[in-house]
Amino acid sequence: MNLKIEISEALMGRRLDLVVADVVHDTTRGAVVRAIEKGLILVSGNRKKPAYRVKPGEVVCGSLGSESEIESKPRAESISLDFLHEDQWIVVVNKPAGMVVHPGAGNSSGTLLNALLHHFPSLTDTHCDPPLRGGIVHRLDKDTSGTIVVAKSKKAYEFLQKEFRFRRVEKRYIALATGIITETQGRITLPIGRHPIHRKRMAVNTERARPAETLWRVLGQMAGHTLLDVGLKTGRTHQIRVHFRALGHPLAGDRVYGFRGKQSARAPRQMLHAGTLGFRHPWSGKRVEFTAPLPEDMVEVLERLNRGPLSFL
């Protein structure tokens, strides 16, 4: 259940856990203590200890469910991250390939959120409505590396949400496609929706498909592959991977959307990297831009195909 308690003069000086336990009658004090310790219950947006003495004017808010629900909440885990930028409002991370962004079925630990909660405990997943979701505004596929921005406050989160919603965020990727693309640049406007049979996959021209737009230009070609600079105008699930499969040039290493028997690059994962992210800063309103360097596994594949260092990156 969600709760919101405004601290009055009559409650001044009482322990936080006792205040919550008095309001929520269908749970134990132990469950309340664990919820507070996990950051599921906050005092005016800040984490406090169960024994914290509340003050008039403070607001206690968060969520409290059953014992199993409390245990299922994301936990902070000591996982190192590559930070590209950090200030009072945002943090920008270079996400490694293989890391899931947000916990889900089969991925309850080792995620970006688990790591963020360790480095920034205030990024709880249960701020007052609307929930902050650990400050995560957008996502990258598990096996896609690169730049991702995280909000450190509710105001920054809401600001960035609007920037993404109104397509004011510039997202540029480096992608390695199979085959030789003869044009130097192009635009893909095929709509994307859920695959009618394989429900975990996406496809073009399906029922209830949504408009999707991808811009691309060729950076170089090597050993039957084309290296691309890709820009997104929309942010559909698996958009780049689906669009280039539709063109007949699925990304190298893509085990889901690639053509069987055509993984000549011997890539360990889909060769897709979120290189640059540009947006208005939630405090200053000025445009900022952050770039993550190509990861080692992608550089290794490219240099092997090119038979030497790359001169066009």
C-alpha atoms as a PDB file:
ATOM      1  CA  MET A   1       0.000   0.000   0.000  1.00  0.00           C
ATOM      2  CA  ASN A   2       1.065   3.601  -0.590  1.00  0.00           C
ATOM      3  CA  LEU A   3       1.156   5.924   2.373  1.00  0.00           C
ATOM      4  CA  LYS A   4       1.534   9.607   3.029  1.00  0.00           C
ATOM      5  CA  ILE A   5       1.729  10.998   6.569  1.00  0.00           C
ATOM      6  CA  GLU A   6       2.016  14.689   7.319  1.00  0.00           C
ATOM      7  CA  ILE A   7       3.772  15.136  10.643  1.00  0.00           C
ATOM      8  CA  SER A   8       1.823  17.349  13.051  1.00  0.00           C
ATOM      9  CA  GLU A   9       2.868  18.932  16.351  1.00  0.00           C
ATOM     10  CA  ALA A  10       1.280  15.994  18.181  1.00  0.00           C
ATOM     11  CA  LEU A  11       3.681  13.548  16.471  1.00  0.00           C
ATOM     12  CA  MET A  12       6.835  15.611  17.075  1.00  0.00           C
ATOM     13  CA  GLY A  13       9.717  13.554  18.444  1.00  0.00           C
ATOM     14  CA  ARG A  14       8.194  10.118  17.802  1.00  0.00           C
ATOM     15  CA  ARG A  15      10.244   7.372  16.158  1.00  0.00           C
ATOM     16  CA  LEU A  16       9.663   7.047  12.420  1.00  0.00           C
ATOM     17  CA  ASP A  17       8.950   3.304  12.555  1.00  0.00           C
ATOM     18  CA  LEU A  18       6.354   3.760  15.301  1.00  0.00           C
ATOM     19  CA  VAL A  19       4.607   6.544  13.402  1.00  0.00           C
ATOM     20  CA  VAL A  20       4.257   4.346  10.317  1.00  0.00           C
ATOM     21  CA  ALA A  21       3.283   1.251  12.299  1.00  0.00           C
ATOM     22  CA  ASP A  22       0.483   3.204  14.002  1.00  0.00           C
ATOM     23  CA  VAL A  23      -0.969   4.132  10.607  1.00  0.00           C
ATOM     24  CA  VAL A  24      -0.554   0.754   8.876  1.00  0.00           C
ATOM     25  CA  HIS A  25      -2.390  -1.835  10.942  1.00  0.00           C
ATOM     26  CA  ASP A  26      -2.108  -4.886   8.664  1.00  0.00           C
ATOM     27  CA  THR A  27       1.654  -5.372   8.909  1.00  0.00           C
ATOM     28  CA  THR A  28       4.314  -5.916  11.549  1.00  0.00           C
ATOM     29  CA  ARG A  29       6.718  -3.395  13.000  1.00  0.00           C
ATOM     30  CA  GLY A  30       9.568  -5.546  11.680  1.00  0.00           C
ATOM     31  CA  ALA A  31       8.221  -5.151   8.145  1.00  0.00           C
ATOM     32  CA  VAL A  32       8.023  -1.396   8.659  1.00  0.00           C
ATOM     33  CA  VAL A  33      11.643  -1.306   9.868  1.00  0.00           C
ATOM     34  CA  ARG A  34      12.842  -3.282   6.840  1.00  0.00           C
ATOM     35  CA  ALA A  35      10.899  -1.041   4.463  1.00  0.00           C
ATOM     36  CA  ILE A  36      12.494   2.065   6.004  1.00  0.00           C
ATOM     37  CA  GLU A  37      15.979   0.529   5.876  1.00  0.00           C
ATOM     38  CA  LYS A  38      15.502  -0.363   2.199  1.00  0.00           C
ATOM     39  CA  GLY A  39      14.550   3.221   1.357  1.00  0.00           C
ATOM     40  CA  LEU A  40      10.944   2.344   0.532  1.00  0.00           C
ATOM     41  CA  ILE A  41       9.684   4.913   3.039  1.00  0.00           C
ATOM     42  CA  LEU A  42      11.128   8.438   2.977  1.00  0.00           C
ATOM     43  CA  VAL A  43      10.895  11.544   5.127  1.00  0.00           C
ATOM     44  CA  SER A  44      10.406  14.602   2.909  1.00  0.00           C
ATOM     45  CA  GLY A  45      12.180  12.743   0.105  1.00  0.00           C
ATOM     46  CA  ASN A  46      15.152  11.657   2.238  1.00  0.00           C
ATOM     47  CA  ARG A  47      16.167   8.300   3.669  1.00  0.00           C
ATOM     48  CA  LYS A  48      16.136   8.062   7.453  1.00  0.00           C
ATOM     49  CA  LYS A  49      16.777   5.357  10.044  1.00  0.00           C
ATOM     50  CA  PRO A  50      13.828   3.653  11.770  1.00  0.00           C
ATOM     51  CA  ALA A  51      14.711   5.403  15.023  1.00  0.00           C
ATOM     52  CA  TYR A  52      14.664   8.864  13.427  1.00  0.00           C
ATOM     53  CA  ARG A  53      12.616  11.371  15.444  1.00  0.00           C
ATOM     54  CA  VAL A  54      10.121  13.091  13.161  1.00  0.00           C
ATOM     55  CA  LYS A  55       9.527  16.856  13.095  1.00  0.00           C
ATOM     56  CA  PRO A  56       6.393  18.922  12.416  1.00  0.00           C
ATOM     57  CA  GLY A  57       5.967  19.841   8.753  1.00  0.00           C
ATOM     58  CA  GLU A  58       7.797  16.754   7.449  1.00  0.00           C
ATOM     59  CA  VAL A  59       6.008  14.360   5.103  1.00  0.00           C
ATOM     60  CA  VAL A  60       6.502  10.609   5.364  1.00  0.00           C
ATOM     61  CA  CYS A  61       5.699   8.845   2.099  1.00  0.00           C
ATOM     62  CA  GLY A  62       6.434   5.664   0.256  1.00  0.00           C
ATOM     63  CA  SER A  63       4.969   2.190  -0.123  1.00  0.00           C
ATOM     64  CA  LEU A  64       4.546  -0.727   2.215  1.00  0.00           C
ATOM     65  CA  GLY A  65       3.342  -4.137   1.095  1.00  0.00           C
ATOM     66  CA  SER A  66       3.569  -7.677   2.329  1.00  0.00           C
ATOM     67  CA  GLU A  67       6.824  -9.231   3.526  1.00  0.00           C
ATOM     68  CA  SER A  68       7.357 -10.816   0.096  1.00  0.00           C
ATOM     69  CA  GLU A  69       6.658  -7.521  -1.699  1.00  0.00           C
ATOM     70  CA  ILE A  70       9.190  -5.687   0.483  1.00  0.00           C
ATOM     71  CA  GLU A  71      11.834  -8.332  -0.187  1.00  0.00           C
ATOM     72  CA  SER A  72      11.202  -8.049  -3.943  1.00  0.00           C
ATOM     73  CA  LYS A  73      12.090  -4.358  -4.080  1.00  0.00           C
ATOM     74  CA  PRO A  74      15.394  -3.530  -5.827  1.00  0.00           C
ATOM     75  CA  ARG A  75      18.388  -3.693  -3.503  1.00  0.00           C
ATOM     76  CA  ALA A  76      21.545  -1.635  -3.616  1.00  0.00           C
ATOM     77  CA  GLU A  77      24.493  -3.684  -4.874  1.00  0.00           C
ATOM     78  CA  SER A  78      28.166  -2.745  -4.865  1.00  0.00           C
ATOM     79  CA  ILE A  79      28.701  -2.680  -8.633  1.00  0.00           C
ATOM     80  CA  SER A  80      31.210  -0.320 -10.228  1.00  0.00           C
ATOM     81  CA  LEU A  81      29.966   2.048 -12.930  1.00  0.00           C
ATOM     82  CA  ASP A  82      31.662   4.210 -15.543  1.00  0.00           C
ATOM     83  CA  PHE A  83      30.385   7.722 -14.836  1.00  0.00           C
ATOM     84  CA  LEU A  84      30.650  10.199 -17.699  1.00  0.00           C
ATOM     85  CA  HIS A  85      29.168  13.076 -15.687  1.00  0.00           C
ATOM     86  CA  GLU A  86      27.616  13.828 -12.309  1.00  0.00           C
ATOM     87  CA  ASP A  87      26.151  16.972 -10.759  1.00  0.00           C
ATOM     88  CA  GLN A  88      23.396  17.844  -8.305  1.00  0.00           C
ATOM     89  CA  TRP A  89      20.603  17.050 -10.791  1.00  0.00           C
ATOM     90  CA  ILE A  90      21.763  14.253 -13.102  1.00  0.00           C
ATOM     91  CA  VAL A  91      24.273  11.481 -13.546  1.00  0.00           C
ATOM     92  CA  VAL A  92      25.338  10.130 -16.950  1.00  0.00           C
ATOM     93  CA  VAL A  93      26.561   6.546 -17.133  1.00  0.00           C
ATOM     94  CA  ASN A  94      28.377   4.554 -19.792  1.00  0.00           C
ATOM     95  CA  LYS A  95      26.393   1.314 -19.448  1.00  0.00           C
ATOM     96  CA  PRO A  96      28.352  -1.846 -20.262  1.00  0.00           C
ATOM     97  CA  ALA A  97      26.946  -4.492 -22.564  1.00  0.00           C
ATOM     98  CA  GLY A  98      25.360  -7.352 -20.662  1.00  0.00           C
ATOM     99  CA  MET A  99      23.828  -5.172 -17.942  1.00  0.00           C
ATOM    100  CA  VAL A 100      20.046  -4.921 -17.679  1.00  0.00           C
ATOM    101  CA  VAL A 101      18.845  -1.391 -16.904  1.00  0.00           C
ATOM    102  CA  HIS A 102      15.894  -2.109 -14.609  1.00  0.00           C
ATOM    103  CA  PRO A 103      15.043  -5.284 -12.623  1.00  0.00           C
ATOM    104  CA  GLY A 104      12.440  -7.537 -14.157  1.00  0.00           C
ATOM    105  CA  ALA A 105      11.496 -11.176 -14.526  1.00  0.00           C
ATOM    106  CA  GLY A 106      14.701 -13.225 -14.319  1.00  0.00           C
ATOM    107  CA  ASN A 107      16.830 -10.133 -13.662  1.00  0.00           C
ATOM    108  CA  SER A 108      16.332  -9.164 -10.027  1.00  0.00           C
ATOM    109  CA  SER A 109      19.975  -8.283  -9.376  1.00  0.00           C
ATOM    110  CA  GLY A 110      23.066  -7.024 -11.156  1.00  0.00           C
ATOM    111  CA  THR A 111      21.090  -4.307 -12.945  1.00  0.00           C
ATOM    112  CA  LEU A 112      21.952  -0.681 -13.493  1.00  0.00           C
ATOM    113  CA  LEU A 113      19.344   0.285 -10.905  1.00  0.00           C
ATOM    114  CA  ASN A 114      20.887  -2.014  -8.301  1.00  0.00           C
ATOM    115  CA  ALA A 115      24.239  -0.346  -8.925  1.00  0.00           C
ATOM    116  CA  LEU A 116      22.796   3.181  -8.874  1.00  0.00           C
ATOM    117  CA  LEU A 117      21.100   2.601  -5.516  1.00  0.00           C
ATOM    118  CA  HIS A 118      24.512   1.728  -4.076  1.00  0.00           C
ATOM    119  CA  HIS A 119      26.229   4.838  -5.402  1.00  0.00           C
ATOM    120  CA  PHE A 120      23.233   7.146  -4.801  1.00  0.00           C
ATOM    121  CA  PRO A 121      21.004   5.811  -1.977  1.00  0.00           C
ATOM    122  CA  SER A 122      18.527   8.665  -2.426  1.00  0.00           C
ATOM    123  CA  LEU A 123      17.503   7.221  -5.808  1.00  0.00           C
ATOM    124  CA  THR A 124      14.840   5.089  -4.182  1.00  0.00           C
ATOM    125  CA  ASP A 125      12.222   3.460  -6.378  1.00  0.00           C
ATOM    126  CA  THR A 126       9.300   4.733  -4.289  1.00  0.00           C
ATOM    127  CA  HIS A 127       9.374   8.502  -4.009  1.00  0.00           C
ATOM    128  CA  CYS A 128       6.055  10.249  -3.497  1.00  0.00           C
ATOM    129  CA  ASP A 129       3.831  10.074  -6.576  1.00  0.00           C
ATOM    130  CA  PRO A 130       4.854   9.801  -9.285  1.00  0.00           C
ATOM    131  CA  PRO A 131       7.465   7.120  -8.460  1.00  0.00           C
ATOM    132  CA  LEU A 132      11.009   8.073  -9.436  1.00  0.00           C
ATOM    133  CA  ARG A 133      11.946   4.554 -10.615  1.00  0.00           C
ATOM    134  CA  GLY A 134      15.499   5.099  -9.485  1.00  0.00           C
ATOM    135  CA  GLY A 135      15.726   8.183 -11.683  1.00  0.00           C
ATOM    136  CA  ILE A 136      15.857   6.038 -14.828  1.00  0.00           C
ATOM    137  CA  VAL A 137      14.180   7.977 -17.634  1.00  0.00           C
ATOM    138  CA  HIS A 138      15.042   5.789 -20.635  1.00  0.00           C
ATOM    139  CA  ARG A 139      16.568   2.408 -21.282  1.00  0.00           C
ATOM    140  CA  LEU A 140      19.043   0.543 -23.440  1.00  0.00           C
ATOM    141  CA  ASP A 141      18.778  -3.130 -24.385  1.00  0.00           C
ATOM    142  CA  LYS A 142      20.766  -5.497 -22.178  1.00  0.00           C
ATOM    143  CA  ASP A 143      23.419  -6.133 -24.840  1.00  0.00           C
ATOM    144  CA  THR A 144      23.584  -2.533 -26.078  1.00  0.00           C
ATOM    145  CA  SER A 145      26.330  -0.447 -24.503  1.00  0.00           C
ATOM    146  CA  GLY A 146      26.606   3.282 -24.080  1.00  0.00           C
ATOM    147  CA  THR A 147      25.251   6.536 -22.724  1.00  0.00           C
ATOM    148  CA  ILE A 148      22.276   6.735 -20.404  1.00  0.00           C
ATOM    149  CA  VAL A 149      21.135   9.674 -18.247  1.00  0.00           C
ATOM    150  CA  VAL A 150      19.637   9.287 -14.768  1.00  0.00           C
ATOM    151  CA  ALA A 151      17.757  11.971 -12.825  1.00  0.00           C
ATOM    152  CA  LYS A 152      18.820  12.605  -9.216  1.00  0.00           C
ATOM    153  CA  SER A 153      15.691  14.480  -8.158  1.00  0.00           C
ATOM    154  CA  LYS A 154      11.972  14.409  -8.829  1.00  0.00           C
ATOM    155  CA  LYS A 155      12.065  17.731 -10.697  1.00  0.00           C
ATOM    156  CA  ALA A 156      14.949  16.593 -12.899  1.00  0.00           C
ATOM    157  CA  TYR A 157      13.124  13.322 -13.584  1.00  0.00           C
ATOM    158  CA  GLU A 158       9.917  15.068 -14.652  1.00  0.00           C
ATOM    159  CA  PHE A 159      11.876  17.540 -16.813  1.00  0.00           C
ATOM    160  CA  LEU A 160      13.778  14.793 -18.638  1.00  0.00           C
ATOM    161  CA  GLN A 161      10.607  12.757 -19.079  1.00  0.00           C
ATOM    162  CA  LYS A 162       9.113  15.666 -21.024  1.00  0.00           C
ATOM    163  CA  GLU A 163      12.275  16.109 -23.081  1.00  0.00           C
ATOM    164  CA  PHE A 164      12.088  12.481 -24.195  1.00  0.00           C
ATOM    165  CA  ARG A 165       8.317  12.587 -24.694  1.00  0.00           C
ATOM    166  CA  PHE A 166       8.523  15.629 -26.977  1.00  0.00           C
ATOM    167  CA  ARG A 167      11.552  14.238 -28.835  1.00  0.00           C
ATOM    168  CA  ARG A 168      13.932  16.991 -27.831  1.00  0.00           C
ATOM    169  CA  VAL A 169      16.695  14.514 -26.939  1.00  0.00           C
ATOM    170  CA  GLU A 170      19.357  13.693 -29.522  1.00  0.00           C
ATOM    171  CA  LYS A 171      20.313  10.004 -29.498  1.00  0.00           C
ATOM    172  CA  ARG A 172      23.144   8.855 -31.750  1.00  0.00           C
ATOM    173  CA  TYR A 173      24.411   5.296 -32.033  1.00  0.00           C
ATOM    174  CA  ILE A 174      27.289   3.462 -33.676  1.00  0.00           C
ATOM    175  CA  ALA A 175      26.055   0.265 -35.326  1.00  0.00           C
ATOM    176  CA  LEU A 176      27.704  -2.448 -37.388  1.00  0.00           C
ATOM    177  CA  ALA A 177      25.333  -3.876 -39.991  1.00  0.00           C
ATOM    178  CA  THR A 178      25.864  -7.065 -41.961  1.00  0.00           C
ATOM    179  CA  GLY A 179      26.278  -6.656 -45.707  1.00  0.00           C
ATOM    180  CA  ILE A 180      27.351  -3.691 -47.822  1.00  0.00           C
ATOM    181  CA  ILE A 181      24.899  -0.792 -47.878  1.00  0.00           C
ATOM    182  CA  THR A 182      25.437   1.026 -51.165  1.00  0.00           C
ATOM    183  CA  GLU A 183      23.750   4.338 -50.253  1.00  0.00           C
ATOM    184  CA  THR A 184      25.725   6.825 -48.168  1.00  0.00           C
ATOM    185  CA  GLN A 185      22.816   7.850 -45.968  1.00  0.00           C
ATOM    186  CA  GLY A 186      19.102   7.278 -45.546  1.00  0.00           C
ATOM    187  CA  ARG A 187      15.933   7.402 -43.498  1.00  0.00           C
ATOM    188  CA  ILE A 188      13.787   4.474 -42.324  1.00  0.00           C
ATOM    189  CA  THR A 189      10.148   5.235 -41.482  1.00  0.00           C
ATOM    190  CA  LEU A 190       8.673   1.758 -41.073  1.00  0.00           C
ATOM    191  CA  PRO A 191       6.188   1.485 -38.168  1.00  0.00           C
ATOM    192  CA  ILE A 192       7.072  -0.923 -35.355  1.00  0.00           C
ATOM    193  CA  GLY A 193       4.831  -3.074 -33.174  1.00  0.00           C
ATOM    194  CA  ARG A 194       4.782  -6.333 -31.237  1.00  0.00           C
ATOM    195  CA  HIS A 195       5.526  -9.439 -33.324  1.00  0.00           C
ATOM    196  CA  PRO A 196       2.235 -11.302 -33.921  1.00  0.00           C
ATOM    197  CA  ILE A 197       3.728 -14.693 -32.976  1.00  0.00           C
ATOM    198  CA  HIS A 198       6.946 -14.102 -31.001  1.00  0.00           C
ATOM    199  CA  ARG A 199       5.611 -11.767 -28.323  1.00  0.00           C
ATOM    200  CA  LYS A 200       9.044 -10.879 -26.930  1.00  0.00           C
ATOM    201  CA  ARG A 201      10.129  -9.564 -30.333  1.00  0.00           C
ATOM    202  CA  MET A 202       9.165  -6.507 -32.339  1.00  0.00           C
ATOM    203  CA  ALA A 203       8.444  -6.285 -36.060  1.00  0.00           C
ATOM    204  CA  VAL A 204       7.507  -3.767 -38.760  1.00  0.00           C
ATOM    205  CA  ASN A 205       4.053  -3.279 -40.270  1.00  0.00           C
ATOM    206  CA  THR A 206       2.207  -5.219 -37.593  1.00  0.00           C
ATOM    207  CA  GLU A 207      -1.224  -4.483 -36.168  1.00  0.00           C
ATOM    208  CA  ARG A 208      -1.127  -1.598 -33.707  1.00  0.00           C
ATOM    209  CA  ALA A 209       2.312  -0.613 -34.994  1.00  0.00           C
ATOM    210  CA  ARG A 210       3.518   2.824 -33.979  1.00  0.00           C
ATOM    211  CA  PRO A 211       5.407   5.307 -36.187  1.00  0.00           C
ATOM    212  CA  ALA A 212       9.188   4.948 -36.011  1.00  0.00           C
ATOM    213  CA  GLU A 213      11.904   6.987 -37.680  1.00  0.00           C
ATOM    214  CA  THR A 214      15.595   6.150 -37.948  1.00  0.00           C
ATOM    215  CA  LEU A 215      18.257   8.253 -39.702  1.00  0.00           C
ATOM    216  CA  TRP A 216      21.584   6.788 -40.736  1.00  0.00           C
ATOM    217  CA  ARG A 217      24.796   7.523 -42.617  1.00  0.00           C
ATOM    218  CA  VAL A 218      27.692   5.277 -43.558  1.00  0.00           C
ATOM    219  CA  LEU A 219      30.968   5.685 -41.670  1.00  0.00           C
ATOM    220  CA  GLY A 220      32.897   2.939 -43.400  1.00  0.00           C
ATOM    221  CA  GLN A 221      32.800  -0.560 -44.841  1.00  0.00           C
ATOM    222  CA  MET A 222      34.890  -3.643 -44.122  1.00  0.00           C
ATOM    223  CA  ALA A 223      34.801  -7.354 -44.947  1.00  0.00           C
ATOM    224  CA  GLY A 224      31.138  -7.487 -45.916  1.00  0.00           C
ATOM    225  CA  HIS A 225      29.916  -5.184 -43.143  1.00  0.00           C
ATOM    226  CA  THR A 226      28.876  -1.531 -42.948  1.00  0.00           C
ATOM    227  CA  LEU A 227      29.623   0.725 -40.015  1.00  0.00           C
ATOM    228  CA  LEU A 228      26.873   3.294 -39.392  1.00  0.00           C
ATOM    229  CA  ASP A 229      26.151   6.459 -37.489  1.00  0.00           C
ATOM    230  CA  VAL A 230      22.482   6.139 -36.504  1.00  0.00           C
ATOM    231  CA  GLY A 231      20.128   8.768 -35.116  1.00  0.00           C
ATOM    232  CA  LEU A 232      16.710   8.116 -33.583  1.00  0.00           C
ATOM    233  CA  LYS A 233      13.752  10.436 -33.997  1.00  0.00           C
ATOM    234  CA  THR A 234      11.526   8.023 -32.067  1.00  0.00           C
ATOM    235  CA  GLY A 235      12.354   5.563 -29.321  1.00  0.00           C
ATOM    236  CA  ARG A 236      10.543   2.315 -30.085  1.00  0.00           C
ATOM    237  CA  THR A 237      11.655  -0.933 -28.466  1.00  0.00           C
ATOM    238  CA  HIS A 238      14.520  -2.520 -30.454  1.00  0.00           C
ATOM    239  CA  GLN A 239      14.018   0.153 -33.114  1.00  0.00           C
ATOM    240  CA  ILE A 240      17.461   0.142 -34.731  1.00  0.00           C
ATOM    241  CA  ARG A 241      17.710  -3.640 -34.678  1.00  0.00           C
ATOM    242  CA  VAL A 242      14.252  -4.094 -36.203  1.00  0.00           C
ATOM    243  CA  HIS A 243      14.677  -1.402 -38.854  1.00  0.00           C
ATOM    244  CA  PHE A 244      17.978  -2.721 -40.182  1.00  0.00           C
ATOM    245  CA  ARG A 245      16.673  -6.276 -40.262  1.00  0.00           C
ATOM    246  CA  ALA A 246      13.787  -4.956 -42.368  1.00  0.00           C
ATOM    247  CA  LEU A 247      16.335  -3.439 -44.761  1.00  0.00           C
ATOM    248  CA  GLY A 248      18.014  -6.827 -45.081  1.00  0.00           C
ATOM    249  CA  HIS A 249      21.041  -5.714 -43.068  1.00  0.00           C
ATOM    250  CA  PRO A 250      20.580  -6.929 -39.468  1.00  0.00           C
ATOM    251  CA  LEU A 251      23.203  -5.872 -36.958  1.00  0.00           C
ATOM    252  CA  ALA A 252      26.254  -8.081 -36.593  1.00  0.00           C
ATOM    253  CA  GLY A 253      25.987 -10.345 -33.568  1.00  0.00           C
ATOM    254  CA  ASP A 254      22.236  -9.898 -33.142  1.00  0.00           C
ATOM    255  CA  ARG A 255      20.968 -13.321 -31.985  1.00  0.00           C
ATOM    256  CA  VAL A 256      17.315 -12.222 -32.080  1.00  0.00           C
ATOM    257  CA  TYR A 257      16.938 -10.245 -35.309  1.00  0.00           C
ATOM    258  CA  GLY A 258      19.894 -11.548 -37.302  1.00  0.00           C
ATOM    259  CA  PHE A 259      19.622 -13.991 -40.188  1.00  0.00           C
ATOM    260  CA  ARG A 260      20.626 -17.533 -39.304  1.00  0.00           C
ATOM    261  CA  GLY A 261      24.030 -18.580 -40.560  1.00  0.00           C
ATOM    262  CA  LYS A 262      25.146 -15.016 -41.324  1.00  0.00           C
ATOM    263  CA  GLN A 263      27.138 -14.032 -38.245  1.00  0.00           C
ATOM    264  CA  SER A 264      30.414 -13.626 -40.106  1.00  0.00           C
ATOM    265  CA  ALA A 265      31.736 -11.003 -37.714  1.00  0.00           C
ATOM    266  CA  ARG A 266      31.782 -13.520 -34.821  1.00  0.00           C
ATOM    267  CA  ALA A 267      30.538 -10.725 -32.585  1.00  0.00           C
ATOM    268  CA  PRO A 268      29.834 -11.559 -28.917  1.00  0.00           C
ATOM    269  CA  ARG A 269      26.608  -9.502 -28.922  1.00  0.00           C
ATOM    270  CA  GLN A 270      24.723  -7.116 -31.183  1.00  0.00           C
ATOM    271  CA  MET A 271      27.172  -4.468 -32.350  1.00  0.00           C
ATOM    272  CA  LEU A 272      25.235  -1.436 -31.163  1.00  0.00           C
ATOM    273  CA  HIS A 273      26.580   1.359 -28.979  1.00  0.00           C
ATOM    274  CA  ALA A 274      24.721   4.444 -27.730  1.00  0.00           C
ATOM    275  CA  GLY A 275      27.558   6.828 -28.431  1.00  0.00           C
ATOM    276  CA  THR A 276      26.139  10.315 -27.878  1.00  0.00           C
ATOM    277  CA  LEU A 277      23.255  11.719 -25.869  1.00  0.00           C
ATOM    278  CA  GLY A 278      22.320  15.409 -26.103  1.00  0.00           C
ATOM    279  CA  PHE A 279      19.559  17.172 -24.147  1.00  0.00           C
ATOM    280  CA  ARG A 280      18.675  20.310 -22.217  1.00  0.00           C
ATOM    281  CA  HIS A 281      19.998  20.305 -18.672  1.00  0.00           C
ATOM    282  CA  PRO A 282      17.107  20.218 -16.154  1.00  0.00           C
ATOM    283  CA  TRP A 283      18.586  23.058 -14.076  1.00  0.00           C
ATOM    284  CA  SER A 284      20.139  25.491 -16.577  1.00  0.00           C
ATOM    285  CA  GLY A 285      18.017  24.661 -19.617  1.00  0.00           C
ATOM    286  CA  LYS A 286      21.201  24.776 -21.697  1.00  0.00           C
ATOM    287  CA  ARG A 287      21.940  21.975 -24.116  1.00  0.00           C
ATOM    288  CA  VAL A 288      24.556  19.475 -22.939  1.00  0.00           C
ATOM    289  CA  GLU A 289      26.048  16.516 -24.775  1.00  0.00           C
ATOM    290  CA  PHE A 290      27.831  13.411 -23.500  1.00  0.00           C
ATOM    291  CA  THR A 291      29.727  10.785 -25.477  1.00  0.00           C
ATOM    292  CA  ALA A 292      30.792   7.291 -24.454  1.00  0.00           C
ATOM    293  CA  PRO A 293      33.808   5.786 -26.228  1.00  0.00           C
ATOM    294  CA  LEU A 294      33.423   2.557 -28.167  1.00  0.00           C
ATOM    295  CA  PRO A 295      33.748  -0.455 -25.843  1.00  0.00           C
ATOM    296  CA  GLU A 296      36.674  -2.839 -26.232  1.00  0.00           C
ATOM    297  CA  ASP A 297      34.612  -5.742 -27.570  1.00  0.00           C
ATOM    298  CA  MET A 298      33.258  -3.604 -30.395  1.00  0.00           C
ATOM    299  CA  VAL A 299      36.675  -2.141 -31.222  1.00  0.00           C
ATOM    300  CA  GLU A 300      38.101  -5.670 -31.359  1.00  0.00           C
ATOM    301  CA  VAL A 301      35.448  -6.840 -33.836  1.00  0.00           C
ATOM    302  CA  LEU A 302      35.887  -3.765 -36.034  1.00  0.00           C
ATOM    303  CA  GLU A 303      39.674  -4.003 -36.112  1.00  0.00           C
ATOM    304  CA  ARG A 304      39.511  -7.707 -36.930  1.00  0.00           C
ATOM    305  CA  LEU A 305      37.186  -7.034 -39.867  1.00  0.00           C
ATOM    306  CA  ASN A 306      39.269  -4.047 -40.954  1.00  0.00           C
ATOM    307  CA  ARG A 307      42.521  -5.970 -40.480  1.00  0.00           C
ATOM    308  CA  GLY A 308      43.951  -3.108 -38.517  1.00  0.00           C
ATOM    309  CA  PRO A 309      43.141   0.105 -36.607  1.00  0.00           C
ATOM    310  CA  LEU A 310      40.203   2.195 -37.796  1.00  0.00           C
ATOM    311  CA  SER A 311      41.019   5.475 -39.503  1.00  0.00           C
ATOM    312  CA  PHE A 312      37.479   6.784 -39.942  1.00  0.00           C
ATOM    313  CA  LEU A 313      36.333   6.961 -36.309  1.00  0.00           C
END
